[in-house]
Every structure is written in structure tokens, then in C-alpha cells.
Amino acid sequence: MAIIMADFNAKVGREECRHKASGKYSLHEYSNENGLFLVQFAIRNNFYIKNTTFPHKTIHMGTWKIPGSMEVNQINHVLVSARHASSIIDVRNSRGANCDSIHYLVKAKVRERISRG
């Protein structure tokens, strides 16, 4: 299983054409340029963007707070190989974690099933 977790500075929107590589629960209505690049990367390399898969309150979706304002963006993402996409059972931010950053800690719950054969 390949998992990529990073700050991509990519806003992945809720446009229907993105649903091949991402879910419909994004914080943003439209993708920015980096979001388009991230979706293209995911499609070409058979990855799925899991942040946008799970319905959460808006407060649990934002991953970066703009300094000096209350606006929050979802720019840190978790990608997983499409074959193992069902192994990620939840992705959300952890606003209470004090990591001395303007980014919120992003956590993913993984459940891997191992075959016996």
C-alpha cells in the first residue's frame, strides 16, 4: 500500500469531473491550479485523494489557517493507491494538537486486511 501525506497547497474542489480521483466532500467549491495538478497526478498514478471522501463538519476539514484571519483552507491531503483506498476509514484534522504551526495536524485511520495465503 502506498500512502502520500503532504502539504500540496492544492485546493481540490467539488466539481463533478474530479470525482474519479476524489470524493464529493471538499471544503472548496472549485479547485485551484495546484488542485488540478494533484487530481491529474492522482489519476495518472492510480491514486485516490481520501480527504474529500468523508463527510465532516467544516471545522474538521480545514488543514491550514491563513495568518491574521479566521479563514481556513484544505490544502494538506492524503493520497492512497486506488487498490487500497478502502483501507483508509477516516481522514480529518486535529485542531487541538499543539504542533506550533499554522497547519492543523491531519490524521488518517488505516485498517489493513492481511491475506492468509
PDB file of N, CA and C in Angstrom:
ATOM      1  N   MET A   1       0.843  -1.168   0.000  1.00  0.00           N
ATOM      2  CA  MET A   1       0.000   0.000   0.000  1.00  0.00           C
ATOM      3  C   MET A   1       0.890   1.233   0.000  1.00  0.00           C
ATOM      4  N   ALA A   2       0.599   2.155  -0.877  1.00  0.00           N
ATOM      5  CA  ALA A   2       1.341   3.416  -0.944  1.00  0.00           C
ATOM      6  C   ALA A   2       0.449   4.536  -0.427  1.00  0.00           C
ATOM      7  N   ILE A   3       0.952   5.283   0.561  1.00  0.00           N
ATOM      8  CA  ILE A   3       0.231   6.427   1.119  1.00  0.00           C
ATOM      9  C   ILE A   3       1.130   7.649   1.004  1.00  0.00           C
ATOM     10  N   ILE A   4       0.579   8.746   0.483  1.00  0.00           N
ATOM     11  CA  ILE A   4       1.303  10.004   0.383  1.00  0.00           C
ATOM     12  C   ILE A   4       0.527  11.033   1.192  1.00  0.00           C
ATOM     13  N   MET A   5       1.193  11.615   2.190  1.00  0.00           N
ATOM     14  CA  MET A   5       0.593  12.673   3.001  1.00  0.00           C
ATOM     15  C   MET A   5       1.510  13.885   2.903  1.00  0.00           C
ATOM     16  N   ALA A   6       0.967  15.010   2.435  1.00  0.00           N
ATOM     17  CA  ALA A   6       1.832  16.178   2.256  1.00  0.00           C
ATOM     18  C   ALA A   6       1.017  17.454   2.185  1.00  0.00           C
ATOM     19  N   ASP A   7       1.723  18.573   2.296  1.00  0.00           N
ATOM     20  CA  ASP A   7       1.157  19.898   2.062  1.00  0.00           C
ATOM     21  C   ASP A   7       1.362  20.187   0.580  1.00  0.00           C
ATOM     22  N   PHE A   8       0.311  20.020  -0.201  1.00  0.00           N
ATOM     23  CA  PHE A   8       0.395  20.212  -1.644  1.00  0.00           C
ATOM     24  C   PHE A   8       0.002  21.625  -2.060  1.00  0.00           C
ATOM     25  N   ASN A   9      -0.468  22.465  -1.104  1.00  0.00           N
ATOM     26  CA  ASN A   9      -1.035  23.778  -1.431  1.00  0.00           C
ATOM     27  C   ASN A   9      -2.093  23.647  -2.522  1.00  0.00           C
ATOM     28  N   ALA A  10      -2.844  22.570  -2.467  1.00  0.00           N
ATOM     29  CA  ALA A  10      -3.827  22.255  -3.501  1.00  0.00           C
ATOM     30  C   ALA A  10      -5.227  22.300  -2.915  1.00  0.00           C
ATOM     31  N   LYS A  11      -6.061  23.154  -3.475  1.00  0.00           N
ATOM     32  CA  LYS A  11      -7.472  23.175  -3.112  1.00  0.00           C
ATOM     33  C   LYS A  11      -8.199  22.299  -4.125  1.00  0.00           C
ATOM     34  N   VAL A  12      -8.681  21.163  -3.685  1.00  0.00           N
ATOM     35  CA  VAL A  12      -9.411  20.252  -4.563  1.00  0.00           C
ATOM     36  C   VAL A  12     -10.889  20.570  -4.400  1.00  0.00           C
ATOM     37  N   GLY A  13     -11.521  20.971  -5.483  1.00  0.00           N
ATOM     38  CA  GLY A  13     -12.916  21.395  -5.435  1.00  0.00           C
ATOM     39  C   GLY A  13     -13.897  20.247  -5.539  1.00  0.00           C
ATOM     40  N   ARG A  14     -15.178  20.632  -5.553  1.00  0.00           N
ATOM     41  CA  ARG A  14     -16.247  19.639  -5.623  1.00  0.00           C
ATOM     42  C   ARG A  14     -16.787  19.461  -7.043  1.00  0.00           C
ATOM     43  N   GLU A  15     -16.035  19.844  -8.045  1.00  0.00           N
ATOM     44  CA  GLU A  15     -16.503  19.690  -9.418  1.00  0.00           C
ATOM     45  C   GLU A  15     -16.698  18.204  -9.737  1.00  0.00           C
ATOM     46  N   GLU A  16     -17.699  17.907 -10.554  1.00  0.00           N
ATOM     47  CA  GLU A  16     -18.014  16.506 -10.870  1.00  0.00           C
ATOM     48  C   GLU A  16     -16.882  15.800 -11.610  1.00  0.00           C
ATOM     49  N   CYS A  17     -16.126  16.525 -12.419  1.00  0.00           N
ATOM     50  CA  CYS A  17     -15.050  15.889 -13.189  1.00  0.00           C
ATOM     51  C   CYS A  17     -13.918  15.394 -12.289  1.00  0.00           C
ATOM     52  N   ARG A  18     -13.866  15.833 -11.037  1.00  0.00           N
ATOM     53  CA  ARG A  18     -12.809  15.418 -10.109  1.00  0.00           C
ATOM     54  C   ARG A  18     -13.153  14.124  -9.363  1.00  0.00           C
ATOM     55  N   HIS A  19     -14.381  13.647  -9.483  1.00  0.00           N
ATOM     56  CA  HIS A  19     -14.832  12.514  -8.679  1.00  0.00           C
ATOM     57  C   HIS A  19     -14.142  11.201  -9.034  1.00  0.00           C
ATOM     58  N   LYS A  20     -13.411  11.164 -10.119  1.00  0.00           N
ATOM     59  CA  LYS A  20     -12.652   9.961 -10.462  1.00  0.00           C
ATOM     60  C   LYS A  20     -11.476   9.757  -9.506  1.00  0.00           C
ATOM     61  N   ALA A  21     -10.944  10.863  -8.983  1.00  0.00           N
ATOM     62  CA  ALA A  21      -9.774  10.788  -8.104  1.00  0.00           C
ATOM     63  C   ALA A  21     -10.047  11.330  -6.708  1.00  0.00           C
ATOM     64  N   SER A  22     -11.227  11.904  -6.493  1.00  0.00           N
ATOM     65  CA  SER A  22     -11.526  12.469  -5.175  1.00  0.00           C
ATOM     66  C   SER A  22     -13.011  12.338  -4.890  1.00  0.00           C
ATOM     67  N   GLY A  23     -13.360  12.530  -3.638  1.00  0.00           N
ATOM     68  CA  GLY A  23     -14.755  12.438  -3.222  1.00  0.00           C
ATOM     69  C   GLY A  23     -15.480  13.750  -3.406  1.00  0.00           C
ATOM     70  N   LYS A  24     -16.716  13.786  -2.938  1.00  0.00           N
ATOM     71  CA  LYS A  24     -17.539  14.983  -3.121  1.00  0.00           C
ATOM     72  C   LYS A  24     -17.574  15.886  -1.901  1.00  0.00           C
ATOM     73  N   TYR A  25     -16.862  15.536  -0.829  1.00  0.00           N
ATOM     74  CA  TYR A  25     -16.894  16.314   0.408  1.00  0.00           C
ATOM     75  C   TYR A  25     -15.626  17.142   0.560  1.00  0.00           C
ATOM     76  N   SER A  26     -15.523  18.183  -0.225  1.00  0.00           N
ATOM     77  CA  SER A  26     -14.367  19.075  -0.150  1.00  0.00           C
ATOM     78  C   SER A  26     -14.776  20.364   0.529  1.00  0.00           C
ATOM     79  N   LEU A  27     -13.833  21.035   1.134  1.00  0.00           N
ATOM     80  CA  LEU A  27     -14.089  22.325   1.760  1.00  0.00           C
ATOM     81  C   LEU A  27     -14.287  23.406   0.702  1.00  0.00           C
ATOM     82  N   HIS A  28     -13.750  23.191  -0.491  1.00  0.00           N
ATOM     83  CA  HIS A  28     -13.754  24.209  -1.542  1.00  0.00           C
ATOM     84  C   HIS A  28     -14.732  23.846  -2.660  1.00  0.00           C
ATOM     85  N   GLU A  29     -15.315  24.884  -3.221  1.00  0.00           N
ATOM     86  CA  GLU A  29     -16.244  24.706  -4.341  1.00  0.00           C
ATOM     87  C   GLU A  29     -15.474  24.381  -5.630  1.00  0.00           C
ATOM     88  N   TYR A  30     -14.372  25.112  -5.851  1.00  0.00           N
ATOM     89  CA  TYR A  30     -13.596  24.946  -7.075  1.00  0.00           C
ATOM     90  C   TYR A  30     -12.134  24.673  -6.743  1.00  0.00           C
ATOM     91  N   SER A  31     -11.450  23.993  -7.649  1.00  0.00           N
ATOM     92  CA  SER A  31     -10.033  23.670  -7.469  1.00  0.00           C
ATOM     93  C   SER A  31      -9.167  24.839  -7.917  1.00  0.00           C
ATOM     94  N   ASN A  32      -8.029  25.002  -7.258  1.00  0.00           N
ATOM     95  CA  ASN A  32      -7.041  25.958  -7.753  1.00  0.00           C
ATOM     96  C   ASN A  32      -6.096  25.219  -8.701  1.00  0.00           C
ATOM     97  N   GLU A  33      -5.074  25.906  -9.193  1.00  0.00           N
ATOM     98  CA  GLU A  33      -4.155  25.298 -10.161  1.00  0.00           C
ATOM     99  C   GLU A  33      -3.450  24.076  -9.573  1.00  0.00           C
ATOM    100  N   ASN A  34      -2.982  24.186  -8.332  1.00  0.00           N
ATOM    101  CA  ASN A  34      -2.331  23.037  -7.696  1.00  0.00           C
ATOM    102  C   ASN A  34      -3.316  21.891  -7.486  1.00  0.00           C
ATOM    103  N   GLY A  35      -4.579  22.217  -7.233  1.00  0.00           N
ATOM    104  CA  GLY A  35      -5.598  21.184  -7.100  1.00  0.00           C
ATOM    105  C   GLY A  35      -5.783  20.412  -8.386  1.00  0.00           C
ATOM    106  N   LEU A  36      -5.752  21.120  -9.506  1.00  0.00           N
ATOM    107  CA  LEU A  36      -5.859  20.450 -10.811  1.00  0.00           C
ATOM    108  C   LEU A  36      -4.662  19.539 -11.052  1.00  0.00           C
ATOM    109  N   PHE A  37      -3.468  20.031 -10.693  1.00  0.00           N
ATOM    110  CA  PHE A  37      -2.256  19.209 -10.846  1.00  0.00           C
ATOM    111  C   PHE A  37      -2.328  17.969  -9.959  1.00  0.00           C
ATOM    112  N   LEU A  38      -2.820  18.129  -8.727  1.00  0.00           N
ATOM    113  CA  LEU A  38      -2.920  16.998  -7.809  1.00  0.00           C
ATOM    114  C   LEU A  38      -3.905  15.952  -8.325  1.00  0.00           C
ATOM    115  N   VAL A  39      -5.029  16.391  -8.846  1.00  0.00           N
ATOM    116  CA  VAL A  39      -6.007  15.452  -9.401  1.00  0.00           C
ATOM    117  C   VAL A  39      -5.420  14.727 -10.608  1.00  0.00           C
ATOM    118  N   GLN A  40      -4.727  15.457 -11.475  1.00  0.00           N
ATOM    119  CA  GLN A  40      -4.084  14.816 -12.634  1.00  0.00           C
ATOM    120  C   GLN A  40      -3.049  13.798 -12.187  1.00  0.00           C
ATOM    121  N   PHE A  41      -2.251  14.146 -11.171  1.00  0.00           N
ATOM    122  CA  PHE A  41      -1.260  13.216 -10.640  1.00  0.00           C
ATOM    123  C   PHE A  41      -1.941  11.959 -10.103  1.00  0.00           C
ATOM    124  N   ALA A  42      -3.012  12.149  -9.357  1.00  0.00           N
ATOM    125  CA  ALA A  42      -3.724  11.009  -8.775  1.00  0.00           C
ATOM    126  C   ALA A  42      -4.289  10.095  -9.865  1.00  0.00           C
ATOM    127  N   ILE A  43      -4.873  10.669 -10.883  1.00  0.00           N
ATOM    128  CA  ILE A  43      -5.450   9.859 -11.963  1.00  0.00           C
ATOM    129  C   ILE A  43      -4.358   9.107 -12.719  1.00  0.00           C
ATOM    130  N   ARG A  44      -3.274   9.791 -13.064  1.00  0.00           N
ATOM    131  CA  ARG A  44      -2.196   9.159 -13.833  1.00  0.00           C
ATOM    132  C   ARG A  44      -1.486   8.047 -13.074  1.00  0.00           C
ATOM    133  N   ASN A  45      -1.381   8.192 -11.748  1.00  0.00           N
ATOM    134  CA  ASN A  45      -0.637   7.216 -10.947  1.00  0.00           C
ATOM    135  C   ASN A  45      -1.537   6.281 -10.147  1.00  0.00           C
ATOM    136  N   ASN A  46      -2.845   6.303 -10.458  1.00  0.00           N
ATOM    137  CA  ASN A  46      -3.817   5.404  -9.843  1.00  0.00           C
ATOM    138  C   ASN A  46      -3.886   5.588  -8.320  1.00  0.00           C
ATOM    139  N   PHE A  47      -3.996   6.850  -7.908  1.00  0.00           N
ATOM    140  CA  PHE A  47      -4.165   7.197  -6.501  1.00  0.00           C
ATOM    141  C   PHE A  47      -5.557   7.773  -6.296  1.00  0.00           C
ATOM    142  N   TYR A  48      -5.977   7.842  -5.042  1.00  0.00           N
ATOM    143  CA  TYR A  48      -7.251   8.441  -4.678  1.00  0.00           C
ATOM    144  C   TYR A  48      -7.011   9.429  -3.545  1.00  0.00           C
ATOM    145  N   ILE A  49      -7.619  10.608  -3.627  1.00  0.00           N
ATOM    146  CA  ILE A  49      -7.470  11.647  -2.611  1.00  0.00           C
ATOM    147  C   ILE A  49      -8.530  11.397  -1.544  1.00  0.00           C
ATOM    148  N   LYS A  50      -8.104  10.946  -0.381  1.00  0.00           N
ATOM    149  CA  LYS A  50      -9.048  10.496   0.642  1.00  0.00           C
ATOM    150  C   LYS A  50      -9.610  11.611   1.519  1.00  0.00           C
ATOM    151  N   ASN A  51      -8.976  12.789   1.596  1.00  0.00           N
ATOM    152  CA  ASN A  51      -9.505  13.877   2.422  1.00  0.00           C
ATOM    153  C   ASN A  51     -10.927  14.250   2.033  1.00  0.00           C
ATOM    154  N   THR A  52     -11.234  14.138   0.764  1.00  0.00           N
ATOM    155  CA  THR A  52     -12.513  14.604   0.251  1.00  0.00           C
ATOM    156  C   THR A  52     -13.569  13.500   0.224  1.00  0.00           C
ATOM    157  N   THR A  53     -13.291  12.382   0.846  1.00  0.00           N
ATOM    158  CA  THR A  53     -14.197  11.239   0.797  1.00  0.00           C
ATOM    159  C   THR A  53     -15.194  11.219   1.943  1.00  0.00           C
ATOM    160  N   PHE A  54     -14.810  11.764   3.089  1.00  0.00           N
ATOM    161  CA  PHE A  54     -15.601  11.594   4.299  1.00  0.00           C
ATOM    162  C   PHE A  54     -16.364  12.870   4.651  1.00  0.00           C
ATOM    163  N   PRO A  55     -17.650  12.752   4.952  1.00  0.00           N
ATOM    164  CA  PRO A  55     -18.424  13.938   5.329  1.00  0.00           C
ATOM    165  C   PRO A  55     -18.125  14.333   6.773  1.00  0.00           C
ATOM    166  N   HIS A  56     -17.538  15.487   6.952  1.00  0.00           N
ATOM    167  CA  HIS A  56     -17.243  16.032   8.274  1.00  0.00           C
ATOM    168  C   HIS A  56     -17.768  17.457   8.339  1.00  0.00           C
ATOM    169  N   LYS A  57     -17.878  17.979   9.547  1.00  0.00           N
ATOM    170  CA  LYS A  57     -18.189  19.390   9.707  1.00  0.00           C
ATOM    171  C   LYS A  57     -17.036  20.194   9.112  1.00  0.00           C
ATOM    172  N   THR A  58     -17.335  21.406   8.691  1.00  0.00           N
ATOM    173  CA  THR A  58     -16.317  22.270   8.095  1.00  0.00           C
ATOM    174  C   THR A  58     -15.122  22.456   9.020  1.00  0.00           C
ATOM    175  N   ILE A  59     -15.359  22.534  10.305  1.00  0.00           N
ATOM    176  CA  ILE A  59     -14.287  22.751  11.286  1.00  0.00           C
ATOM    177  C   ILE A  59     -13.271  21.602  11.282  1.00  0.00           C
ATOM    178  N   HIS A  60     -13.669  20.425  10.855  1.00  0.00           N
ATOM    179  CA  HIS A  60     -12.782  19.259  10.841  1.00  0.00           C
ATOM    180  C   HIS A  60     -12.157  19.002   9.470  1.00  0.00           C
ATOM    181  N   MET A  61     -12.442  19.860   8.486  1.00  0.00           N
ATOM    182  CA  MET A  61     -11.922  19.652   7.141  1.00  0.00           C
ATOM    183  C   MET A  61     -10.728  20.548   6.818  1.00  0.00           C
ATOM    184  N   GLY A  62     -10.682  21.742   7.399  1.00  0.00           N
ATOM    185  CA  GLY A  62      -9.605  22.684   7.104  1.00  0.00           C
ATOM    186  C   GLY A  62      -8.281  22.204   7.672  1.00  0.00           C
ATOM    187  N   THR A  63      -7.214  22.427   6.934  1.00  0.00           N
ATOM    188  CA  THR A  63      -5.895  21.963   7.367  1.00  0.00           C
ATOM    189  C   THR A  63      -4.886  23.098   7.538  1.00  0.00           C
ATOM    190  N   TRP A  64      -5.239  24.311   7.113  1.00  0.00           N
ATOM    191  CA  TRP A  64      -4.311  25.439   7.198  1.00  0.00           C
ATOM    192  C   TRP A  64      -5.094  26.713   7.445  1.00  0.00           C
ATOM    193  N   LYS A  65      -4.693  27.461   8.449  1.00  0.00           N
ATOM    194  CA  LYS A  65      -5.341  28.724   8.777  1.00  0.00           C
ATOM    195  C   LYS A  65      -4.508  29.868   8.227  1.00  0.00           C
ATOM    196  N   ILE A  66      -5.148  30.736   7.480  1.00  0.00           N
ATOM    197  CA  ILE A  66      -4.455  31.886   6.907  1.00  0.00           C
ATOM    198  C   ILE A  66      -4.050  32.819   8.048  1.00  0.00           C
ATOM    199  N   PRO A  67      -2.751  33.165   8.143  1.00  0.00           N
ATOM    200  CA  PRO A  67      -2.290  34.024   9.239  1.00  0.00           C
ATOM    201  C   PRO A  67      -3.023  35.363   9.260  1.00  0.00           C
ATOM    202  N   GLY A  68      -3.492  35.752  10.446  1.00  0.00           N
ATOM    203  CA  GLY A  68      -4.160  37.034  10.609  1.00  0.00           C
ATOM    204  C   GLY A  68      -5.633  37.026  10.258  1.00  0.00           C
ATOM    205  N   SER A  69      -6.197  35.874   9.941  1.00  0.00           N
ATOM    206  CA  SER A  69      -7.620  35.807   9.624  1.00  0.00           C
ATOM    207  C   SER A  69      -8.208  34.533  10.224  1.00  0.00           C
ATOM    208  N   MET A  70      -9.489  34.388  10.072  1.00  0.00           N
ATOM    209  CA  MET A  70     -10.163  33.183  10.560  1.00  0.00           C
ATOM    210  C   MET A  70     -10.438  32.196   9.432  1.00  0.00           C
ATOM    211  N   GLU A  71     -10.024  32.534   8.207  1.00  0.00           N
ATOM    212  CA  GLU A  71     -10.276  31.671   7.045  1.00  0.00           C
ATOM    213  C   GLU A  71      -9.369  30.447   7.080  1.00  0.00           C
ATOM    214  N   VAL A  72      -9.955  29.304   6.756  1.00  0.00           N
ATOM    215  CA  VAL A  72      -9.237  28.031   6.777  1.00  0.00           C
ATOM    216  C   VAL A  72      -9.351  27.384   5.400  1.00  0.00           C
ATOM    217  N   ASN A  73      -8.265  26.784   4.935  1.00  0.00           N
ATOM    218  CA  ASN A  73      -8.242  26.083   3.655  1.00  0.00           C
ATOM    219  C   ASN A  73      -7.893  24.616   3.857  1.00  0.00           C
ATOM    220  N   GLN A  74      -8.277  23.806   2.901  1.00  0.00           N
ATOM    221  CA  GLN A  74      -7.947  22.379   2.904  1.00  0.00           C
ATOM    222  C   GLN A  74      -6.878  22.164   1.831  1.00  0.00           C
ATOM    223  N   ILE A  75      -5.603  22.254   2.261  1.00  0.00           N
ATOM    224  CA  ILE A  75      -4.512  22.169   1.290  1.00  0.00           C
ATOM    225  C   ILE A  75      -3.573  20.999   1.553  1.00  0.00           C
ATOM    226  N   ASN A  76      -3.678  20.361   2.709  1.00  0.00           N
ATOM    227  CA  ASN A  76      -2.886  19.168   3.018  1.00  0.00           C
ATOM    228  C   ASN A  76      -3.751  17.960   2.701  1.00  0.00           C
ATOM    229  N   HIS A  77      -3.189  17.006   1.986  1.00  0.00           N
ATOM    230  CA  HIS A  77      -4.013  15.892   1.519  1.00  0.00           C
ATOM    231  C   HIS A  77      -3.361  14.546   1.792  1.00  0.00           C
ATOM    232  N   VAL A  78      -4.206  13.523   1.808  1.00  0.00           N
ATOM    233  CA  VAL A  78      -3.780  12.134   1.970  1.00  0.00           C
ATOM    234  C   VAL A  78      -4.175  11.399   0.700  1.00  0.00           C
ATOM    235  N   LEU A  79      -3.168  10.855   0.008  1.00  0.00           N
ATOM    236  CA  LEU A  79      -3.414  10.060  -1.186  1.00  0.00           C
ATOM    237  C   LEU A  79      -3.058   8.616  -0.885  1.00  0.00           C
ATOM    238  N   VAL A  80      -3.835   7.703  -1.421  1.00  0.00           N
ATOM    239  CA  VAL A  80      -3.584   6.279  -1.223  1.00  0.00           C
ATOM    240  C   VAL A  80      -3.781   5.597  -2.574  1.00  0.00           C
ATOM    241  N   SER A  81      -3.022   4.534  -2.799  1.00  0.00           N
ATOM    242  CA  SER A  81      -3.184   3.795  -4.049  1.00  0.00           C
ATOM    243  C   SER A  81      -4.632   3.323  -4.160  1.00  0.00           C
ATOM    244  N   ALA A  82      -5.207   3.451  -5.330  1.00  0.00           N
ATOM    245  CA  ALA A  82      -6.629   3.158  -5.538  1.00  0.00           C
ATOM    246  C   ALA A  82      -6.984   1.737  -5.126  1.00  0.00           C
ATOM    247  N   ARG A  83      -6.065   0.815  -5.285  1.00  0.00           N
ATOM    248  CA  ARG A  83      -6.308  -0.584  -4.910  1.00  0.00           C
ATOM    249  C   ARG A  83      -6.580  -0.715  -3.415  1.00  0.00           C
ATOM    250  N   HIS A  84      -5.983   0.141  -2.615  1.00  0.00           N
ATOM    251  CA  HIS A  84      -6.119   0.075  -1.161  1.00  0.00           C
ATOM    252  C   HIS A  84      -6.944   1.229  -0.595  1.00  0.00           C
ATOM    253  N   ALA A  85      -7.723   1.884  -1.432  1.00  0.00           N
ATOM    254  CA  ALA A  85      -8.487   3.054  -0.983  1.00  0.00           C
ATOM    255  C   ALA A  85      -9.458   2.715   0.142  1.00  0.00           C
ATOM    256  N   SER A  86      -9.993   1.521   0.165  1.00  0.00           N
ATOM    257  CA  SER A  86     -10.948   1.154   1.220  1.00  0.00           C
ATOM    258  C   SER A  86     -10.265   0.909   2.557  1.00  0.00           C
ATOM    259  N   SER A  87      -8.945   0.856   2.582  1.00  0.00           N
ATOM    260  CA  SER A  87      -8.212   0.652   3.838  1.00  0.00           C
ATOM    261  C   SER A  87      -8.155   1.917   4.692  1.00  0.00           C
ATOM    262  N   ILE A  88      -8.342   3.091   4.081  1.00  0.00           N
ATOM    263  CA  ILE A  88      -8.387   4.344   4.834  1.00  0.00           C
ATOM    264  C   ILE A  88      -9.840   4.548   5.245  1.00  0.00           C
ATOM    265  N   ILE A  89     -10.110   4.507   6.564  1.00  0.00           N
ATOM    266  CA  ILE A  89     -11.500   4.577   7.016  1.00  0.00           C
ATOM    267  C   ILE A  89     -11.900   5.962   7.516  1.00  0.00           C
ATOM    268  N   ASP A  90     -10.939   6.883   7.681  1.00  0.00           N
ATOM    269  CA  ASP A  90     -11.285   8.253   8.043  1.00  0.00           C
ATOM    270  C   ASP A  90     -10.050   9.148   7.924  1.00  0.00           C
ATOM    271  N   VAL A  91     -10.281  10.382   7.503  1.00  0.00           N
ATOM    272  CA  VAL A  91      -9.235  11.411   7.458  1.00  0.00           C
ATOM    273  C   VAL A  91      -9.870  12.699   7.961  1.00  0.00           C
ATOM    274  N   ARG A  92      -9.224  13.340   8.924  1.00  0.00           N
ATOM    275  CA  ARG A  92      -9.711  14.613   9.446  1.00  0.00           C
ATOM    276  C   ARG A  92      -8.557  15.365  10.103  1.00  0.00           C
ATOM    277  N   ASN A  93      -8.797  16.624  10.419  1.00  0.00           N
ATOM    278  CA  ASN A  93      -7.755  17.377  11.095  1.00  0.00           C
ATOM    279  C   ASN A  93      -7.917  17.245  12.604  1.00  0.00           C
ATOM    280  N   SER A  94      -6.887  17.617  13.302  1.00  0.00           N
ATOM    281  CA  SER A  94      -6.897  17.611  14.758  1.00  0.00           C
ATOM    282  C   SER A  94      -6.526  19.015  15.209  1.00  0.00           C
ATOM    283  N   ARG A  95      -7.530  19.843  15.436  1.00  0.00           N
ATOM    284  CA  ARG A  95      -7.308  21.259  15.741  1.00  0.00           C
ATOM    285  C   ARG A  95      -6.677  21.463  17.119  1.00  0.00           C
ATOM    286  N   GLY A  96      -6.885  20.545  18.030  1.00  0.00           N
ATOM    287  CA  GLY A  96      -6.390  20.720  19.383  1.00  0.00           C
ATOM    288  C   GLY A  96      -4.925  20.388  19.564  1.00  0.00           C
ATOM    289  N   ALA A  97      -4.335  19.707  18.605  1.00  0.00           N
ATOM    290  CA  ALA A  97      -2.928  19.319  18.729  1.00  0.00           C
ATOM    291  C   ALA A  97      -2.048  20.557  18.610  1.00  0.00           C
ATOM    292  N   ASN A  98      -1.213  20.798  19.608  1.00  0.00           N
ATOM    293  CA  ASN A  98      -0.332  21.952  19.608  1.00  0.00           C
ATOM    294  C   ASN A  98       0.985  21.558  18.954  1.00  0.00           C
ATOM    295  N   CYS A  99       1.103  21.824  17.653  1.00  0.00           N
ATOM    296  CA  CYS A  99       2.329  21.475  16.940  1.00  0.00           C
ATOM    297  C   CYS A  99       3.062  22.732  16.475  1.00  0.00           C
ATOM    298  N   ASP A 100       2.732  23.903  17.097  1.00  0.00           N
ATOM    299  CA  ASP A 100       3.421  25.166  16.831  1.00  0.00           C
ATOM    300  C   ASP A 100       3.513  25.471  15.340  1.00  0.00           C
ATOM    301  N   SER A 101       2.367  25.419  14.670  1.00  0.00           N
ATOM    302  CA  SER A 101       2.312  25.638  13.238  1.00  0.00           C
ATOM    303  C   SER A 101       0.962  26.250  12.878  1.00  0.00           C
ATOM    304  N   ILE A 102       0.895  26.892  11.713  1.00  0.00           N
ATOM    305  CA  ILE A 102      -0.393  27.377  11.223  1.00  0.00           C
ATOM    306  C   ILE A 102      -1.162  26.265  10.524  1.00  0.00           C
ATOM    307  N   HIS A 103      -0.525  25.111  10.387  1.00  0.00           N
ATOM    308  CA  HIS A 103      -1.191  23.935   9.842  1.00  0.00           C
ATOM    309  C   HIS A 103      -1.787  23.128  10.980  1.00  0.00           C
ATOM    310  N   TYR A 104      -2.931  22.520  10.714  1.00  0.00           N
ATOM    311  CA  TYR A 104      -3.518  21.607  11.679  1.00  0.00           C
ATOM    312  C   TYR A 104      -3.010  20.203  11.396  1.00  0.00           C
ATOM    313  N   LEU A 105      -2.860  19.418  12.429  1.00  0.00           N
ATOM    314  CA  LEU A 105      -2.420  18.036  12.288  1.00  0.00           C
ATOM    315  C   LEU A 105      -3.486  17.245  11.538  1.00  0.00           C
ATOM    316  N   VAL A 106      -3.093  16.545  10.493  1.00  0.00           N
ATOM    317  CA  VAL A 106      -4.019  15.714   9.713  1.00  0.00           C
ATOM    318  C   VAL A 106      -3.776  14.267  10.104  1.00  0.00           C
ATOM    319  N   LYS A 107      -4.842  13.578  10.459  1.00  0.00           N
ATOM    320  CA  LYS A 107      -4.682  12.178  10.850  1.00  0.00           C
ATOM    321  C   LYS A 107      -5.581  11.304   9.994  1.00  0.00           C
ATOM    322  N   ALA A 108      -5.043  10.151   9.657  1.00  0.00           N
ATOM    323  CA  ALA A 108      -5.771   9.171   8.846  1.00  0.00           C
ATOM    324  C   ALA A 108      -5.859   7.870   9.627  1.00  0.00           C
ATOM    325  N   LYS A 109      -7.043   7.289   9.649  1.00  0.00           N
ATOM    326  CA  LYS A 109      -7.223   5.985  10.281  1.00  0.00           C
ATOM    327  C   LYS A 109      -7.121   4.925   9.193  1.00  0.00           C
ATOM    328  N   VAL A 110      -6.208   3.974   9.417  1.00  0.00           N
ATOM    329  CA  VAL A 110      -5.938   2.934   8.431  1.00  0.00           C
ATOM    330  C   VAL A 110      -6.310   1.581   9.017  1.00  0.00           C
ATOM    331  N   ARG A 111      -7.025   0.795   8.231  1.00  0.00           N
ATOM    332  CA  ARG A 111      -7.363  -0.577   8.607  1.00  0.00           C
ATOM    333  C   ARG A 111      -6.908  -1.465   7.437  1.00  0.00           C
ATOM    334  N   GLU A 112      -5.865  -2.202   7.644  1.00  0.00           N
ATOM    335  CA  GLU A 112      -5.329  -3.053   6.584  1.00  0.00           C
ATOM    336  C   GLU A 112      -5.716  -4.491   6.838  1.00  0.00           C
ATOM    337  N   ARG A 113      -6.242  -5.106   5.831  1.00  0.00           N
ATOM    338  CA  ARG A 113      -6.574  -6.531   5.918  1.00  0.00           C
ATOM    339  C   ARG A 113      -5.457  -7.331   5.269  1.00  0.00           C
ATOM    340  N   ILE A 114      -4.942  -8.294   6.006  1.00  0.00           N
ATOM    341  CA  ILE A 114      -3.840  -9.103   5.515  1.00  0.00           C
ATOM    342  C   ILE A 114      -4.382 -10.471   5.119  1.00  0.00           C
ATOM    343  N   SER A 115      -4.011 -10.908   3.919  1.00  0.00           N
ATOM    344  CA  SER A 115      -4.489 -12.207   3.454  1.00  0.00           C
ATOM    345  C   SER A 115      -3.645 -13.327   4.079  1.00  0.00           C
ATOM    346  N   ARG A 116      -4.254 -14.475   4.196  1.00  0.00           N
ATOM    347  CA  ARG A 116      -3.573 -15.623   4.822  1.00  0.00           C
ATOM    348  C   ARG A 116      -2.897 -16.526   3.814  1.00  0.00           C
ATOM    349  N   GLY A 117      -2.972 -16.230   2.587  1.00  0.00           N
ATOM    350  CA  GLY A 117      -2.460 -17.157   1.584  1.00  0.00           C
ATOM    351  C   GLY A 117      -1.245 -16.731   0.986  1.00  0.00           C
TER     352      GLY A 117
END
